[in-house]
Amino acid sequence: MNLKEQLLQACYGYVNKRIASYKGEIETIKESIDSNDKSNNEGDDSGSGKLFNDLELNAQYLNDANKMLDTLKMINSKTVNTDVVLGSLVKTTSNNFFMSISMGKIDIEDVTYFGISLNAPIGQLLKNKVVGDAITFNENTFTITEIK
């Protein structure tokens, strides 16, 4: 498995874990709402409003995680890029980035990479850049040394 495949698998693992967690939370909330409705005949809210808010919030998180999954499905780990696009592995003078989803730190074989979205602020700066281009982010300037 090449490095991009390993990074992509790490991203899939992250997203699938989030999806499973949100689905589990939604089921728990639905069960709580059902049991709350059955035990409550007085018309008293007894926390149902908060449960419905939590349900809506988790449904939104699940939707966002599914969008991340859709983004990952567009990445071909075998494609070699000459400019920074979705799926690019970008090495710079200070950090290594995998242009995918906003995941944060990914450690593979004692090397740290950052899974970032093209829509993130640093992703926007890197987008369409080529080897040798420099960007400044948070008052730090770094140069792209390699793109895969």
C-alpha atoms as a PDB file:
ATOM      1  CA  MET A   1       0.000   0.000   0.000  1.00  0.00           C
ATOM      2  CA  ASN A   2       1.482   3.342  -1.019  1.00  0.00           C
ATOM      3  CA  LEU A   3       1.580   6.385   1.253  1.00  0.00           C
ATOM      4  CA  LYS A   4      -1.451   8.074  -0.319  1.00  0.00           C
ATOM      5  CA  GLU A   5      -3.460   4.858   0.095  1.00  0.00           C
ATOM      6  CA  GLN A   6      -2.458   4.718   3.773  1.00  0.00           C
ATOM      7  CA  LEU A   7      -3.479   8.349   4.279  1.00  0.00           C
ATOM      8  CA  LEU A   8      -6.761   7.774   2.463  1.00  0.00           C
ATOM      9  CA  GLN A   9      -7.477   4.691   4.595  1.00  0.00           C
ATOM     10  CA  ALA A  10      -6.783   6.722   7.754  1.00  0.00           C
ATOM     11  CA  CYS A  11      -9.304   9.318   6.542  1.00  0.00           C
ATOM     12  CA  TYR A  12     -11.899   6.634   5.784  1.00  0.00           C
ATOM     13  CA  GLY A  13     -11.389   5.160   9.248  1.00  0.00           C
ATOM     14  CA  TYR A  14     -11.871   8.572  10.849  1.00  0.00           C
ATOM     15  CA  VAL A  15     -15.059   9.329   8.911  1.00  0.00           C
ATOM     16  CA  ASN A  16     -16.568   5.853   9.317  1.00  0.00           C
ATOM     17  CA  LYS A  17     -15.966   6.029  13.073  1.00  0.00           C
ATOM     18  CA  ARG A  18     -17.730   9.401  13.207  1.00  0.00           C
ATOM     19  CA  ILE A  19     -20.660   8.093  11.149  1.00  0.00           C
ATOM     20  CA  ALA A  20     -21.060   5.059  13.430  1.00  0.00           C
ATOM     21  CA  SER A  21     -20.881   7.275  16.506  1.00  0.00           C
ATOM     22  CA  TYR A  22     -23.536   9.709  15.225  1.00  0.00           C
ATOM     23  CA  LYS A  23     -25.831   6.859  14.153  1.00  0.00           C
ATOM     24  CA  GLY A  24     -25.486   5.292  17.600  1.00  0.00           C
ATOM     25  CA  GLU A  25     -26.193   8.601  19.301  1.00  0.00           C
ATOM     26  CA  ILE A  26     -29.256   9.178  17.109  1.00  0.00           C
ATOM     27  CA  GLU A  27     -30.624   5.730  18.010  1.00  0.00           C
ATOM     28  CA  THR A  28     -30.052   6.382  21.718  1.00  0.00           C
ATOM     29  CA  ILE A  29     -31.838   9.738  21.492  1.00  0.00           C
ATOM     30  CA  LYS A  30     -34.759   8.189  19.584  1.00  0.00           C
ATOM     31  CA  GLU A  31     -35.089   5.502  22.274  1.00  0.00           C
ATOM     32  CA  SER A  32     -35.044   8.190  24.970  1.00  0.00           C
ATOM     33  CA  ILE A  33     -37.737  10.160  23.157  1.00  0.00           C
ATOM     34  CA  ASP A  34     -39.880   7.026  22.784  1.00  0.00           C
ATOM     35  CA  SER A  35     -39.532   6.055  26.442  1.00  0.00           C
ATOM     36  CA  ASN A  36     -40.149   9.661  27.498  1.00  0.00           C
ATOM     37  CA  ASP A  37     -43.352   9.761  25.434  1.00  0.00           C
ATOM     38  CA  LYS A  38     -44.612   6.446  26.876  1.00  0.00           C
ATOM     39  CA  SER A  39     -43.977   7.429  30.488  1.00  0.00           C
ATOM     40  CA  ASN A  40     -45.409  10.898  30.155  1.00  0.00           C
ATOM     41  CA  ASN A  41     -49.152  11.369  29.768  1.00  0.00           C
ATOM     42  CA  GLU A  42     -49.385  14.744  31.489  1.00  0.00           C
ATOM     43  CA  GLY A  43     -48.236  16.796  28.497  1.00  0.00           C
ATOM     44  CA  ASP A  44     -45.162  17.882  30.461  1.00  0.00           C
ATOM     45  CA  ASP A  45     -42.118  18.279  28.200  1.00  0.00           C
ATOM     46  CA  SER A  46     -39.756  16.503  30.666  1.00  0.00           C
ATOM     47  CA  GLY A  47     -36.712  17.165  28.493  1.00  0.00           C
ATOM     48  CA  SER A  48     -38.169  16.085  25.140  1.00  0.00           C
ATOM     49  CA  GLY A  49     -37.346  19.483  23.665  1.00  0.00           C
ATOM     50  CA  LYS A  50     -33.665  19.054  24.482  1.00  0.00           C
ATOM     51  CA  LEU A  51     -33.744  15.520  23.088  1.00  0.00           C
ATOM     52  CA  PHE A  52     -35.239  16.775  19.819  1.00  0.00           C
ATOM     53  CA  ASN A  53     -32.546  19.468  19.627  1.00  0.00           C
ATOM     54  CA  ASP A  54     -29.863  16.845  20.254  1.00  0.00           C
ATOM     55  CA  LEU A  55     -31.420  14.630  17.586  1.00  0.00           C
ATOM     56  CA  GLU A  56     -31.367  17.465  15.060  1.00  0.00           C
ATOM     57  CA  LEU A  57     -27.782  18.357  15.935  1.00  0.00           C
ATOM     58  CA  ASN A  58     -26.569  14.762  15.567  1.00  0.00           C
ATOM     59  CA  ALA A  59     -28.465  14.418  12.280  1.00  0.00           C
ATOM     60  CA  GLN A  60     -26.565  17.483  11.005  1.00  0.00           C
ATOM     61  CA  TYR A  61     -23.244  16.022  12.182  1.00  0.00           C
ATOM     62  CA  LEU A  62     -24.111  12.752  10.432  1.00  0.00           C
ATOM     63  CA  ASN A  63     -24.926  14.663   7.253  1.00  0.00           C
ATOM     64  CA  ASP A  64     -21.585  16.494   7.440  1.00  0.00           C
ATOM     65  CA  ALA A  65     -19.721  13.205   7.969  1.00  0.00           C
ATOM     66  CA  ASN A  66     -21.486  11.693   4.957  1.00  0.00           C
ATOM     67  CA  LYS A  67     -20.360  14.688   2.871  1.00  0.00           C
ATOM     68  CA  MET A  68     -16.787  13.986   4.033  1.00  0.00           C
ATOM     69  CA  LEU A  69     -17.208  10.384   2.915  1.00  0.00           C
ATOM     70  CA  ASP A  70     -18.418  11.590  -0.502  1.00  0.00           C
ATOM     71  CA  THR A  71     -15.308  13.789  -0.771  1.00  0.00           C
ATOM     72  CA  LEU A  72     -13.033  10.847   0.042  1.00  0.00           C
ATOM     73  CA  LYS A  73     -14.708   8.741  -2.657  1.00  0.00           C
ATOM     74  CA  MET A  74     -13.570  11.297  -5.261  1.00  0.00           C
ATOM     75  CA  ILE A  75      -9.889  10.710  -4.417  1.00  0.00           C
ATOM     76  CA  ASN A  76      -7.851   8.300  -6.544  1.00  0.00           C
ATOM     77  CA  SER A  77      -4.779   7.392  -4.493  1.00  0.00           C
ATOM     78  CA  LYS A  78      -2.900   6.293  -7.627  1.00  0.00           C
ATOM     79  CA  THR A  79      -3.117   9.699  -9.331  1.00  0.00           C
ATOM     80  CA  VAL A  80       0.076  11.750  -9.282  1.00  0.00           C
ATOM     81  CA  ASN A  81      -0.555  15.485  -9.360  1.00  0.00           C
ATOM     82  CA  THR A  82       1.694  18.329 -10.467  1.00  0.00           C
ATOM     83  CA  ASP A  83      -0.391  20.983  -8.739  1.00  0.00           C
ATOM     84  CA  VAL A  84      -2.309  20.968  -5.457  1.00  0.00           C
ATOM     85  CA  VAL A  85      -5.788  19.494  -5.930  1.00  0.00           C
ATOM     86  CA  LEU A  86      -8.065  17.122  -4.031  1.00  0.00           C
ATOM     87  CA  GLY A  87      -6.036  13.998  -3.250  1.00  0.00           C
ATOM     88  CA  SER A  88      -2.618  15.665  -3.468  1.00  0.00           C
ATOM     89  CA  LEU A  89       0.102  14.800  -0.995  1.00  0.00           C
ATOM     90  CA  VAL A  90       1.944  18.076  -0.423  1.00  0.00           C
ATOM     91  CA  LYS A  91       5.312  18.300   1.287  1.00  0.00           C
ATOM     92  CA  THR A  92       6.567  21.708   2.349  1.00  0.00           C
ATOM     93  CA  THR A  93       9.550  23.079   4.196  1.00  0.00           C
ATOM     94  CA  SER A  94       7.567  22.893   7.451  1.00  0.00           C
ATOM     95  CA  ASN A  95       4.635  20.433   7.178  1.00  0.00           C
ATOM     96  CA  ASN A  96       3.151  17.643   5.084  1.00  0.00           C
ATOM     97  CA  PHE A  97      -0.462  17.865   3.933  1.00  0.00           C
ATOM     98  CA  PHE A  98      -2.933  15.406   2.461  1.00  0.00           C
ATOM     99  CA  MET A  99      -5.568  17.371   0.583  1.00  0.00           C
ATOM    100  CA  SER A 100      -8.699  15.486   1.564  1.00  0.00           C
ATOM    101  CA  ILE A 101     -10.911  16.302   4.555  1.00  0.00           C
ATOM    102  CA  SER A 102     -10.415  18.397   7.659  1.00  0.00           C
ATOM    103  CA  MET A 103      -9.145  15.601   9.839  1.00  0.00           C
ATOM    104  CA  GLY A 104      -6.051  17.008  11.441  1.00  0.00           C
ATOM    105  CA  LYS A 105      -2.959  15.031  12.364  1.00  0.00           C
ATOM    106  CA  ILE A 106      -2.245  11.655  10.751  1.00  0.00           C
ATOM    107  CA  ASP A 107       0.917   9.775  11.795  1.00  0.00           C
ATOM    108  CA  ILE A 108       2.286   7.173   9.377  1.00  0.00           C
ATOM    109  CA  GLU A 109       5.667   5.528   9.878  1.00  0.00           C
ATOM    110  CA  ASP A 110       6.834   8.227  12.318  1.00  0.00           C
ATOM    111  CA  VAL A 111       5.995  11.042   9.886  1.00  0.00           C
ATOM    112  CA  THR A 112       3.174  13.512  10.578  1.00  0.00           C
ATOM    113  CA  TYR A 113       0.752  14.589   7.877  1.00  0.00           C
ATOM    114  CA  PHE A 114      -2.250  16.856   8.194  1.00  0.00           C
ATOM    115  CA  GLY A 115      -5.501  15.922   6.504  1.00  0.00           C
ATOM    116  CA  ILE A 116      -6.964  19.208   5.331  1.00  0.00           C
ATOM    117  CA  SER A 117      -9.856  20.252   3.149  1.00  0.00           C
ATOM    118  CA  LEU A 118      -9.381  22.400   0.074  1.00  0.00           C
ATOM    119  CA  ASN A 119     -12.018  24.674   1.660  1.00  0.00           C
ATOM    120  CA  ALA A 120      -9.986  25.206   4.838  1.00  0.00           C
ATOM    121  CA  PRO A 121      -8.015  28.476   4.986  1.00  0.00           C
ATOM    122  CA  ILE A 122      -4.655  26.759   4.399  1.00  0.00           C
ATOM    123  CA  GLY A 123      -6.261  24.555   1.740  1.00  0.00           C
ATOM    124  CA  GLN A 124      -7.364  27.664  -0.127  1.00  0.00           C
ATOM    125  CA  LEU A 125      -3.801  29.010  -0.016  1.00  0.00           C
ATOM    126  CA  LEU A 126      -2.325  25.726  -1.299  1.00  0.00           C
ATOM    127  CA  LYS A 127      -4.936  25.090  -3.997  1.00  0.00           C
ATOM    128  CA  ASN A 128      -3.464  24.973  -7.536  1.00  0.00           C
ATOM    129  CA  LYS A 129       0.057  25.773  -6.299  1.00  0.00           C
ATOM    130  CA  VAL A 130       3.074  23.926  -7.752  1.00  0.00           C
ATOM    131  CA  VAL A 131       6.479  22.832  -6.461  1.00  0.00           C
ATOM    132  CA  GLY A 132       8.562  25.891  -5.607  1.00  0.00           C
ATOM    133  CA  ASP A 133       5.576  28.104  -4.742  1.00  0.00           C
ATOM    134  CA  ALA A 134       5.594  29.691  -1.291  1.00  0.00           C
ATOM    135  CA  ILE A 135       2.609  30.537   0.889  1.00  0.00           C
ATOM    136  CA  THR A 136       2.258  32.443   4.125  1.00  0.00           C
ATOM    137  CA  PHE A 137      -0.131  31.142   6.762  1.00  0.00           C
ATOM    138  CA  ASN A 138      -0.374  32.481  10.328  1.00  0.00           C
ATOM    139  CA  GLU A 139       2.712  34.620   9.694  1.00  0.00           C
ATOM    140  CA  ASN A 140       4.732  31.519   8.717  1.00  0.00           C
ATOM    141  CA  THR A 141       6.046  31.244   5.183  1.00  0.00           C
ATOM    142  CA  PHE A 142       6.839  27.870   3.713  1.00  0.00           C
ATOM    143  CA  THR A 143       7.692  26.508   0.280  1.00  0.00           C
ATOM    144  CA  ILE A 144       6.199  23.503  -1.493  1.00  0.00           C
ATOM    145  CA  THR A 145       8.982  20.973  -2.012  1.00  0.00           C
ATOM    146  CA  GLU A 146       7.024  18.026  -3.421  1.00  0.00           C
ATOM    147  CA  ILE A 147       3.559  17.177  -4.733  1.00  0.00           C
ATOM    148  CA  LYS A 148       2.345  13.633  -5.339  1.00  0.00           C
END
